[in-house]
Amino acid sequence: MKNIKEDLLNELINERILLQKAKELNVQPSQEEIDKEVAKAYDEAVKQAGGEDKFNKTLEAFKMTVDDFKNYMANRVVIDKVYDEIIKDVTVSEDELLKYYNENMYDYTEKPNKMNVSHILVETEDTAKKVLEELNKGAKFEDLAKKYSIDPGSKDKGEILEIYIIMMIITIRPFN
């Protein structure tokens, strides 16, 4: 709940800053343009909700009135003008886009192809069961790796290995 409140407060602050920026940049749309865009957004929202009654019920659930919605949308029209003004001279090449995407691709995928995988390599099933039991009782994974692992690469550090998934990986240890 605290995070939601912080996010909402940040959104409200950003909105106020952008509305002020509209005045500074003198990019205030005309009242006619605002009214046209608000009416369009309202009609689309009503259509998506499945009619006027359902839309009003949705607004009630969010403790909003139709006027609140229209004021919000009017602010969005102004903010969109600010964004358009700010980025009007920005150009990005295909190479720059591709480079950025490749460096940040995991931010844009639902199921990233990169995982952090950790393991404790032991010699016997009994030892594995003992490690799992201690893990389930709350022992730290890193401590157990140092104590039980026979893998020289991760034993001393309780290391978590980062790998790129090329094929399906099956793990015995459930994620908590």
Protein backbone atom coordinates (compact mmCIF):
# COMPACT_ATOMS: atom_id res chain seq x y z
CA MET A 1 0.00 0.00 0.00
CA LYS A 2 2.90 2.31 0.82
CA ASN A 3 4.39 1.75 -2.66
CA ILE A 4 1.04 2.47 -4.31
CA LYS A 5 0.71 5.73 -2.37
CA GLU A 6 4.27 6.74 -3.31
CA ASP A 7 3.66 5.93 -6.97
CA LEU A 8 0.43 7.92 -6.97
CA LEU A 9 2.12 10.89 -5.31
CA ASN A 10 4.96 10.77 -7.85
CA GLU A 11 2.44 10.62 -10.68
CA LEU A 12 0.60 13.67 -9.33
CA ILE A 13 3.87 15.58 -8.91
CA ASN A 14 4.98 14.71 -12.45
CA GLU A 15 1.59 15.79 -13.79
CA ARG A 16 1.87 19.19 -12.08
CA ILE A 17 5.42 19.67 -13.33
CA LEU A 18 4.40 18.83 -16.90
CA LEU A 19 1.39 21.15 -16.75
CA GLN A 20 3.70 23.93 -15.56
CA LYS A 21 6.14 23.06 -18.36
CA ALA A 22 3.30 23.50 -20.87
CA LYS A 23 2.97 27.12 -19.75
CA GLU A 24 6.74 27.66 -19.88
CA LEU A 25 6.98 26.22 -23.40
CA ASN A 26 3.79 28.00 -24.46
CA VAL A 27 2.31 24.78 -25.88
CA GLN A 28 -1.13 25.10 -24.31
CA PRO A 29 -3.67 23.53 -26.71
CA SER A 30 -6.83 25.45 -27.49
CA GLN A 31 -9.95 24.78 -25.44
CA GLU A 32 -11.58 23.45 -28.61
CA GLU A 33 -8.75 20.94 -29.10
CA ILE A 34 -8.95 19.87 -25.45
CA ASP A 35 -12.74 19.44 -25.61
CA LYS A 36 -12.47 17.40 -28.80
CA GLU A 37 -9.82 15.04 -27.38
CA VAL A 38 -11.64 14.67 -24.04
CA ALA A 39 -14.90 13.80 -25.82
CA LYS A 40 -13.04 11.24 -27.93
CA ALA A 41 -11.39 9.67 -24.86
CA TYR A 42 -14.71 9.64 -22.98
CA ASP A 43 -16.53 7.94 -25.87
CA GLU A 44 -13.75 5.35 -26.17
CA ALA A 45 -13.77 4.66 -22.42
CA VAL A 46 -17.56 4.21 -22.41
CA LYS A 47 -17.31 1.87 -25.40
CA GLN A 48 -14.55 -0.21 -23.78
CA ALA A 49 -16.50 -0.44 -20.53
CA GLY A 50 -19.53 -1.80 -22.36
CA GLY A 51 -21.81 1.20 -22.03
CA GLU A 52 -22.50 4.29 -19.97
CA ASP A 53 -23.80 2.41 -16.91
CA LYS A 54 -20.79 0.09 -16.72
CA PHE A 55 -18.45 3.02 -17.24
CA ASN A 56 -20.08 4.95 -14.39
CA LYS A 57 -19.80 1.88 -12.13
CA THR A 58 -16.12 1.63 -13.00
CA LEU A 59 -15.65 5.29 -12.10
CA GLU A 60 -17.48 4.73 -8.81
CA ALA A 61 -15.16 1.83 -8.00
CA PHE A 62 -12.22 4.24 -8.40
CA LYS A 63 -14.10 6.91 -6.43
CA MET A 64 -14.13 9.18 -9.48
CA THR A 65 -16.82 11.25 -11.13
CA VAL A 66 -17.28 11.85 -14.85
CA ASP A 67 -15.90 15.35 -14.28
CA ASP A 68 -12.80 13.88 -12.57
CA PHE A 69 -12.26 11.64 -15.59
CA LYS A 70 -12.70 14.53 -18.02
CA ASN A 71 -10.32 16.76 -16.04
CA TYR A 72 -7.74 13.97 -16.00
CA MET A 73 -8.09 13.53 -19.75
CA ALA A 74 -7.84 17.30 -20.32
CA ASN A 75 -4.54 17.27 -18.42
CA ARG A 76 -3.39 14.33 -20.56
CA VAL A 77 -4.04 16.38 -23.72
CA VAL A 78 -1.84 19.18 -22.39
CA ILE A 79 0.87 16.74 -21.23
CA ASP A 80 0.88 15.04 -24.63
CA LYS A 81 1.54 18.45 -26.21
CA VAL A 82 4.48 18.95 -23.84
CA TYR A 83 5.94 15.56 -24.81
CA ASP A 84 5.47 16.36 -28.49
CA GLU A 85 7.27 19.68 -28.02
CA ILE A 86 10.12 18.16 -26.05
CA ILE A 87 10.79 15.32 -28.52
CA LYS A 88 10.07 17.14 -31.78
CA ASP A 89 13.77 17.48 -32.66
CA VAL A 90 14.92 14.14 -31.25
CA THR A 91 16.19 11.67 -33.80
CA VAL A 92 17.39 8.15 -33.17
CA SER A 93 19.09 5.94 -35.72
CA GLU A 94 18.27 2.28 -36.28
CA ASP A 95 21.72 1.39 -34.94
CA GLU A 96 21.09 3.35 -31.72
CA LEU A 97 17.70 1.67 -31.29
CA LEU A 98 19.15 -1.78 -31.82
CA LYS A 99 22.05 -1.11 -29.45
CA TYR A 100 19.70 0.14 -26.73
CA TYR A 101 17.34 -2.79 -27.18
CA ASN A 102 20.15 -5.34 -27.04
CA GLU A 103 21.50 -3.75 -23.85
CA ASN A 104 18.05 -3.66 -22.22
CA MET A 105 16.11 -6.51 -23.85
CA TYR A 106 15.28 -8.17 -20.56
CA ASP A 107 13.30 -5.10 -19.57
CA TYR A 108 11.04 -5.63 -22.59
CA THR A 109 10.20 -9.30 -22.41
CA GLU A 110 7.56 -11.08 -20.36
CA LYS A 111 9.74 -14.13 -19.84
CA PRO A 112 13.36 -13.04 -20.07
CA ASN A 113 15.80 -15.58 -21.44
CA LYS A 114 18.19 -14.90 -18.60
CA MET A 115 17.96 -16.39 -15.14
CA ASN A 116 19.92 -16.40 -11.95
CA VAL A 117 20.40 -20.02 -11.03
CA SER A 118 22.02 -21.33 -7.89
CA HIS A 119 23.07 -24.83 -6.99
CA ILE A 120 24.59 -26.91 -4.27
CA LEU A 121 26.34 -29.96 -5.67
CA VAL A 122 26.40 -32.93 -3.28
CA GLU A 123 27.47 -36.56 -3.62
CA THR A 124 24.49 -38.41 -2.14
CA GLU A 125 20.71 -38.20 -2.08
CA ASP A 126 20.81 -38.26 1.72
CA THR A 127 23.00 -35.16 1.78
CA ALA A 128 20.68 -33.47 -0.72
CA LYS A 129 17.69 -34.23 1.52
CA LYS A 130 19.56 -32.87 4.54
CA VAL A 131 20.42 -29.65 2.68
CA LEU A 132 16.81 -29.25 1.51
CA GLU A 133 15.55 -29.81 5.05
CA GLU A 134 17.88 -27.12 6.42
CA LEU A 135 16.90 -24.78 3.60
CA ASN A 136 13.22 -25.30 4.39
CA LYS A 137 13.91 -24.52 8.04
CA GLY A 138 15.25 -21.11 6.99
CA ALA A 139 18.97 -21.63 6.61
CA LYS A 140 20.64 -19.27 4.17
CA PHE A 141 21.32 -20.82 0.78
CA GLU A 142 24.81 -19.30 0.61
CA ASP A 143 25.75 -20.75 4.00
CA LEU A 144 24.55 -24.21 2.96
CA ALA A 145 26.52 -23.99 -0.29
CA LYS A 146 29.69 -23.21 1.64
CA LYS A 147 29.04 -26.05 4.06
CA TYR A 148 27.91 -28.86 1.74
CA SER A 149 28.77 -28.13 -1.90
CA ILE A 150 31.52 -30.18 -3.52
CA ASP A 151 31.62 -27.80 -6.51
CA PRO A 152 34.90 -25.89 -6.18
CA GLY A 153 33.58 -22.98 -8.29
CA SER A 154 30.74 -22.04 -5.98
CA LYS A 155 31.54 -23.72 -2.66
CA ASP A 156 33.70 -20.99 -1.14
CA LYS A 157 31.46 -18.11 -2.14
CA GLY A 158 28.02 -19.70 -1.93
CA GLU A 159 27.96 -18.26 -5.40
CA ILE A 160 24.92 -17.77 -7.56
CA LEU A 161 25.78 -18.51 -11.16
CA GLU A 162 24.23 -16.48 -13.97
CA ILE A 163 23.52 -18.45 -17.10
CA TYR A 164 21.77 -17.87 -20.36
CA ILE A 165 19.07 -20.38 -21.05
CA ILE A 166 19.70 -22.26 -24.28
CA MET A 167 17.70 -25.33 -23.41
CA MET A 168 15.23 -26.30 -20.73
CA ILE A 169 16.72 -26.46 -17.27
CA ILE A 170 15.15 -28.69 -14.67
CA THR A 171 15.77 -27.85 -11.06
CA ILE A 172 15.05 -29.80 -7.90
CA ARG A 173 15.09 -26.79 -5.59
CA PRO A 174 11.70 -24.98 -5.52
CA PHE A 175 11.66 -21.19 -5.48
CA ASN A 176 10.23 -19.73 -2.29
